[in-house]
Amino acid sequence: MKELLNKSREISYLLRHNPKGLNMDKEGYVLVNDLLTKIGITKEELDWVIDNNDKKRFAYSDDETKIRASQGHSIKVDIDFKEVRPPMKLYHGTTPENIKSIMKTGLNKMKRHHVHLTDNLNTAKSVGKRYSKNKSPEILEINAGAMYADGYKFYLSDNGVWLTDNVPSKYINI
């Protein structure tokens, strides 16, 4: 199982940041058989990785011949996310060190295509904890309802991550 968890990280890196020799289409899909060959696992092992990934980071095409990351790309892909009205509040977990900068410039997508938000407080804590190491994470509450009313667009990825282009600091509560 530990080996498959490591393979999951490798798949995530390949599909989100650097397809290294895999032929990726404009929507971020690569052929399943090419991925299997590249990382040295079976289709059954890949199915296990997809089914047991707690964040559901990967998605098959309808015919399961192709696979892509659901979101989080730092490379150019054209995933056709549908605009969705968000809940009134969304959350973002971060490190205490980032608070001053975030409150000055807002949340920005940086090298990714979108800012990632969640409607689940525990998920925000988990994400923030991952980056905070030995410190308690900071949980930002985003006034998504006000943002939406002001014309900001939100999208919901296949794995339940809320996406937007940026979050100005006036919509952020600590």
C-alpha atoms as a PDB file:
ATOM      1  CA  MET A   1       0.000   0.000   0.000  1.00  0.00           C
ATOM      2  CA  LYS A   2       2.819   2.436   0.828  1.00  0.00           C
ATOM      3  CA  GLU A   3       4.251   1.880  -2.649  1.00  0.00           C
ATOM      4  CA  LEU A   4       0.878   2.734  -4.194  1.00  0.00           C
ATOM      5  CA  LEU A   5       0.664   5.902  -2.090  1.00  0.00           C
ATOM      6  CA  ASN A   6       4.042   6.928  -3.493  1.00  0.00           C
ATOM      7  CA  LYS A   7       2.748   6.129  -6.980  1.00  0.00           C
ATOM      8  CA  SER A   8      -0.247   8.371  -6.243  1.00  0.00           C
ATOM      9  CA  ARG A   9       2.118  11.268  -5.552  1.00  0.00           C
ATOM     10  CA  GLU A  10       3.982  10.527  -8.782  1.00  0.00           C
ATOM     11  CA  ILE A  11       0.707  10.444 -10.739  1.00  0.00           C
ATOM     12  CA  SER A  12      -0.333  13.750  -9.182  1.00  0.00           C
ATOM     13  CA  TYR A  13       2.972  15.354 -10.140  1.00  0.00           C
ATOM     14  CA  LEU A  14       2.801  14.046 -13.705  1.00  0.00           C
ATOM     15  CA  LEU A  15      -0.826  15.011 -14.316  1.00  0.00           C
ATOM     16  CA  ARG A  16      -0.765  18.396 -12.544  1.00  0.00           C
ATOM     17  CA  HIS A  17       2.717  19.775 -13.085  1.00  0.00           C
ATOM     18  CA  ASN A  18       4.972  17.907 -15.513  1.00  0.00           C
ATOM     19  CA  PRO A  19       3.709  15.139 -17.845  1.00  0.00           C
ATOM     20  CA  LYS A  20       7.332  14.180 -18.667  1.00  0.00           C
ATOM     21  CA  GLY A  21       7.015  12.302 -21.950  1.00  0.00           C
ATOM     22  CA  LEU A  22       3.293  11.600 -21.675  1.00  0.00           C
ATOM     23  CA  ASN A  23       1.185  12.948 -24.521  1.00  0.00           C
ATOM     24  CA  MET A  24      -1.280  15.233 -22.699  1.00  0.00           C
ATOM     25  CA  ASP A  25      -4.235  16.673 -24.592  1.00  0.00           C
ATOM     26  CA  LYS A  26      -5.532  20.226 -24.115  1.00  0.00           C
ATOM     27  CA  GLU A  27      -7.997  19.054 -21.438  1.00  0.00           C
ATOM     28  CA  GLY A  28      -5.211  17.503 -19.361  1.00  0.00           C
ATOM     29  CA  TYR A  29      -5.902  13.867 -20.245  1.00  0.00           C
ATOM     30  CA  VAL A  30      -3.215  11.262 -20.932  1.00  0.00           C
ATOM     31  CA  LEU A  31      -3.780   7.714 -22.137  1.00  0.00           C
ATOM     32  CA  VAL A  32      -4.199   5.325 -19.212  1.00  0.00           C
ATOM     33  CA  ASN A  33      -1.989   2.698 -20.871  1.00  0.00           C
ATOM     34  CA  ASP A  34       0.816   5.241 -21.341  1.00  0.00           C
ATOM     35  CA  LEU A  35       0.603   6.260 -17.662  1.00  0.00           C
ATOM     36  CA  LEU A  36       0.590   2.614 -16.530  1.00  0.00           C
ATOM     37  CA  THR A  37       3.713   1.909 -18.559  1.00  0.00           C
ATOM     38  CA  LYS A  38       5.481   5.051 -17.349  1.00  0.00           C
ATOM     39  CA  ILE A  39       4.960   4.441 -13.637  1.00  0.00           C
ATOM     40  CA  GLY A  40       4.993   0.632 -13.704  1.00  0.00           C
ATOM     41  CA  ILE A  41       1.629  -0.329 -12.218  1.00  0.00           C
ATOM     42  CA  THR A  42      -1.394  -2.313 -13.390  1.00  0.00           C
ATOM     43  CA  LYS A  43      -4.839  -0.937 -14.232  1.00  0.00           C
ATOM     44  CA  GLU A  44      -6.160  -2.596 -11.062  1.00  0.00           C
ATOM     45  CA  GLU A  45      -3.534  -0.779  -8.983  1.00  0.00           C
ATOM     46  CA  LEU A  46      -4.429   2.508 -10.698  1.00  0.00           C
ATOM     47  CA  ASP A  47      -8.107   1.863  -9.920  1.00  0.00           C
ATOM     48  CA  TRP A  48      -7.134   1.357  -6.264  1.00  0.00           C
ATOM     49  CA  VAL A  49      -5.174   4.632  -6.244  1.00  0.00           C
ATOM     50  CA  ILE A  50      -8.137   6.512  -7.723  1.00  0.00           C
ATOM     51  CA  ASP A  51     -10.706   4.897  -5.423  1.00  0.00           C
ATOM     52  CA  ASN A  52      -8.610   5.439  -2.287  1.00  0.00           C
ATOM     53  CA  ASN A  53      -7.339   8.954  -2.928  1.00  0.00           C
ATOM     54  CA  ASP A  54      -8.896  10.975  -0.099  1.00  0.00           C
ATOM     55  CA  LYS A  55      -9.093  14.113  -2.216  1.00  0.00           C
ATOM     56  CA  LYS A  56     -10.306  12.372  -5.402  1.00  0.00           C
ATOM     57  CA  ARG A  57      -7.590  14.134  -7.365  1.00  0.00           C
ATOM     58  CA  PHE A  58      -7.914  12.030 -10.514  1.00  0.00           C
ATOM     59  CA  ALA A  59     -10.700  11.380 -13.006  1.00  0.00           C
ATOM     60  CA  TYR A  60     -11.076   8.939 -15.867  1.00  0.00           C
ATOM     61  CA  SER A  61     -12.660   9.863 -19.158  1.00  0.00           C
ATOM     62  CA  ASP A  62     -16.107   8.334 -19.682  1.00  0.00           C
ATOM     63  CA  ASP A  63     -14.631   5.295 -21.455  1.00  0.00           C
ATOM     64  CA  GLU A  64     -11.748   5.017 -18.919  1.00  0.00           C
ATOM     65  CA  THR A  65      -9.087   5.084 -21.643  1.00  0.00           C
ATOM     66  CA  LYS A  66      -7.758   8.451 -20.444  1.00  0.00           C
ATOM     67  CA  ILE A  67      -7.047  10.007 -17.044  1.00  0.00           C
ATOM     68  CA  ARG A  68      -6.397  13.532 -15.765  1.00  0.00           C
ATOM     69  CA  ALA A  69      -6.026  15.476 -12.547  1.00  0.00           C
ATOM     70  CA  SER A  70      -9.323  17.007 -11.444  1.00  0.00           C
ATOM     71  CA  GLN A  71      -7.738  20.396 -10.668  1.00  0.00           C
ATOM     72  CA  GLY A  72      -4.551  21.948  -9.278  1.00  0.00           C
ATOM     73  CA  HIS A  73      -2.598  22.203 -12.512  1.00  0.00           C
ATOM     74  CA  SER A  74       0.401  24.458 -12.832  1.00  0.00           C
ATOM     75  CA  ILE A  75       0.646  23.583 -16.538  1.00  0.00           C
ATOM     76  CA  LYS A  76      -1.695  24.860 -19.227  1.00  0.00           C
ATOM     77  CA  VAL A  77      -4.828  22.751 -19.545  1.00  0.00           C
ATOM     78  CA  ASP A  78      -8.333  23.651 -20.643  1.00  0.00           C
ATOM     79  CA  ILE A  79     -10.760  21.964 -18.283  1.00  0.00           C
ATOM     80  CA  ASP A  80     -14.289  23.128 -18.972  1.00  0.00           C
ATOM     81  CA  PHE A  81     -15.431  23.896 -15.439  1.00  0.00           C
ATOM     82  CA  LYS A  82     -19.057  24.962 -15.182  1.00  0.00           C
ATOM     83  CA  GLU A  83     -19.804  28.163 -13.302  1.00  0.00           C
ATOM     84  CA  VAL A  84     -21.735  27.446 -10.091  1.00  0.00           C
ATOM     85  CA  ARG A  85     -23.243  29.647  -7.396  1.00  0.00           C
ATOM     86  CA  PRO A  86     -21.150  29.046  -4.251  1.00  0.00           C
ATOM     87  CA  PRO A  87     -22.412  28.681  -0.701  1.00  0.00           C
ATOM     88  CA  MET A  88     -22.340  31.873   1.356  1.00  0.00           C
ATOM     89  CA  LYS A  89     -19.111  30.846   3.135  1.00  0.00           C
ATOM     90  CA  LEU A  90     -16.089  28.947   1.895  1.00  0.00           C
ATOM     91  CA  TYR A  91     -12.798  28.241   3.664  1.00  0.00           C
ATOM     92  CA  HIS A  92      -9.093  28.209   2.929  1.00  0.00           C
ATOM     93  CA  GLY A  93      -6.382  26.721   5.153  1.00  0.00           C
ATOM     94  CA  THR A  94      -2.958  28.346   5.241  1.00  0.00           C
ATOM     95  CA  THR A  95       0.067  28.947   7.445  1.00  0.00           C
ATOM     96  CA  PRO A  96       0.261  31.690  10.082  1.00  0.00           C
ATOM     97  CA  GLU A  97       3.225  33.184   8.179  1.00  0.00           C
ATOM     98  CA  ASN A  98       1.041  33.874   5.118  1.00  0.00           C
ATOM     99  CA  ILE A  99      -1.684  35.859   6.876  1.00  0.00           C
ATOM    100  CA  LYS A 100      -0.078  39.303   6.620  1.00  0.00           C
ATOM    101  CA  SER A 101       0.549  38.950   2.887  1.00  0.00           C
ATOM    102  CA  ILE A 102      -2.895  37.470   2.223  1.00  0.00           C
ATOM    103  CA  MET A 103      -4.620  40.291   4.052  1.00  0.00           C
ATOM    104  CA  LYS A 104      -2.625  42.764   1.969  1.00  0.00           C
ATOM    105  CA  THR A 105      -3.025  41.211  -1.498  1.00  0.00           C
ATOM    106  CA  GLY A 106      -5.808  38.638  -1.084  1.00  0.00           C
ATOM    107  CA  LEU A 107      -5.625  34.996  -2.137  1.00  0.00           C
ATOM    108  CA  ASN A 108      -4.008  34.626  -5.533  1.00  0.00           C
ATOM    109  CA  LYS A 109      -3.729  31.563  -7.742  1.00  0.00           C
ATOM    110  CA  MET A 110       0.037  31.914  -7.987  1.00  0.00           C
ATOM    111  CA  LYS A 111       1.278  29.209 -10.437  1.00  0.00           C
ATOM    112  CA  ARG A 112      -2.039  27.354 -10.500  1.00  0.00           C
ATOM    113  CA  HIS A 113      -5.105  28.010 -12.615  1.00  0.00           C
ATOM    114  CA  HIS A 114      -7.347  28.891  -9.657  1.00  0.00           C
ATOM    115  CA  VAL A 115      -7.470  29.571  -5.940  1.00  0.00           C
ATOM    116  CA  HIS A 116      -8.678  26.418  -4.152  1.00  0.00           C
ATOM    117  CA  LEU A 117     -11.414  26.722  -1.534  1.00  0.00           C
ATOM    118  CA  THR A 118     -13.595  24.277   0.362  1.00  0.00           C
ATOM    119  CA  ASP A 119     -17.039  24.279   1.913  1.00  0.00           C
ATOM    120  CA  ASN A 120     -15.775  21.949   4.654  1.00  0.00           C
ATOM    121  CA  LEU A 121     -14.017  23.399   7.688  1.00  0.00           C
ATOM    122  CA  ASN A 122     -12.213  20.113   8.460  1.00  0.00           C
ATOM    123  CA  THR A 123     -10.824  19.975   4.924  1.00  0.00           C
ATOM    124  CA  ALA A 124      -9.506  23.535   5.292  1.00  0.00           C
ATOM    125  CA  LYS A 125      -7.845  22.559   8.579  1.00  0.00           C
ATOM    126  CA  SER A 126      -6.286  19.500   6.940  1.00  0.00           C
ATOM    127  CA  VAL A 127      -4.916  21.545   4.030  1.00  0.00           C
ATOM    128  CA  GLY A 128      -3.614  24.260   6.348  1.00  0.00           C
ATOM    129  CA  LYS A 129      -2.003  21.670   8.618  1.00  0.00           C
ATOM    130  CA  ARG A 130      -0.152  20.176   5.659  1.00  0.00           C
ATOM    131  CA  TYR A 131       1.640  23.478   5.112  1.00  0.00           C
ATOM    132  CA  SER A 132       1.917  24.616   8.731  1.00  0.00           C
ATOM    133  CA  LYS A 133       4.176  21.768   9.894  1.00  0.00           C
ATOM    134  CA  ASN A 134       4.453  22.187  13.679  1.00  0.00           C
ATOM    135  CA  LYS A 135       2.106  25.171  14.005  1.00  0.00           C
ATOM    136  CA  SER A 136      -1.660  25.384  14.078  1.00  0.00           C
ATOM    137  CA  PRO A 137      -3.020  26.322  10.660  1.00  0.00           C
ATOM    138  CA  GLU A 138      -4.942  29.513  10.018  1.00  0.00           C
ATOM    139  CA  ILE A 139      -8.416  29.041   8.596  1.00  0.00           C
ATOM    140  CA  LEU A 140      -9.707  31.854   6.431  1.00  0.00           C
ATOM    141  CA  GLU A 141     -13.436  32.300   6.022  1.00  0.00           C
ATOM    142  CA  ILE A 142     -14.319  33.577   2.566  1.00  0.00           C
ATOM    143  CA  ASN A 143     -17.498  35.578   2.032  1.00  0.00           C
ATOM    144  CA  ALA A 144     -18.233  33.758  -1.221  1.00  0.00           C
ATOM    145  CA  GLY A 145     -21.845  34.932  -1.328  1.00  0.00           C
ATOM    146  CA  ALA A 146     -20.747  38.581  -1.418  1.00  0.00           C
ATOM    147  CA  MET A 147     -18.055  37.809  -3.994  1.00  0.00           C
ATOM    148  CA  TYR A 148     -20.604  36.085  -6.225  1.00  0.00           C
ATOM    149  CA  ALA A 149     -23.045  38.995  -5.829  1.00  0.00           C
ATOM    150  CA  ASP A 150     -20.203  41.326  -6.875  1.00  0.00           C
ATOM    151  CA  GLY A 151     -19.632  39.362 -10.096  1.00  0.00           C
ATOM    152  CA  TYR A 152     -16.832  36.937  -9.174  1.00  0.00           C
ATOM    153  CA  LYS A 153     -17.113  33.522 -10.802  1.00  0.00           C
ATOM    154  CA  PHE A 154     -16.897  30.214  -8.973  1.00  0.00           C
ATOM    155  CA  TYR A 155     -16.498  26.700 -10.298  1.00  0.00           C
ATOM    156  CA  LEU A 156     -16.829  23.332  -8.621  1.00  0.00           C
ATOM    157  CA  SER A 157     -14.363  20.646  -9.705  1.00  0.00           C
ATOM    158  CA  ASP A 158     -15.382  17.004 -10.075  1.00  0.00           C
ATOM    159  CA  ASN A 159     -13.819  16.254  -6.694  1.00  0.00           C
ATOM    160  CA  GLY A 160     -15.643  18.995  -4.803  1.00  0.00           C
ATOM    161  CA  VAL A 161     -12.969  21.705  -4.704  1.00  0.00           C
ATOM    162  CA  TRP A 162     -14.319  25.226  -5.149  1.00  0.00           C
ATOM    163  CA  LEU A 163     -12.290  27.296  -7.613  1.00  0.00           C
ATOM    164  CA  THR A 164     -12.079  31.003  -8.325  1.00  0.00           C
ATOM    165  CA  ASP A 165      -9.506  33.273  -9.954  1.00  0.00           C
ATOM    166  CA  ASN A 166      -8.673  35.285  -6.830  1.00  0.00           C
ATOM    167  CA  VAL A 167     -10.112  36.364  -3.488  1.00  0.00           C
ATOM    168  CA  PRO A 168      -9.616  40.033  -2.641  1.00  0.00           C
ATOM    169  CA  SER A 169      -8.780  40.614   1.016  1.00  0.00           C
ATOM    170  CA  LYS A 170     -12.041  42.496   1.659  1.00  0.00           C
ATOM    171  CA  TYR A 171     -13.874  39.133   1.377  1.00  0.00           C
ATOM    172  CA  ILE A 172     -11.578  37.337   3.844  1.00  0.00           C
ATOM    173  CA  ASN A 173     -12.194  36.932   7.571  1.00  0.00           C
ATOM    174  CA  ILE A 174      -9.613  35.373   9.879  1.00  0.00           C
END
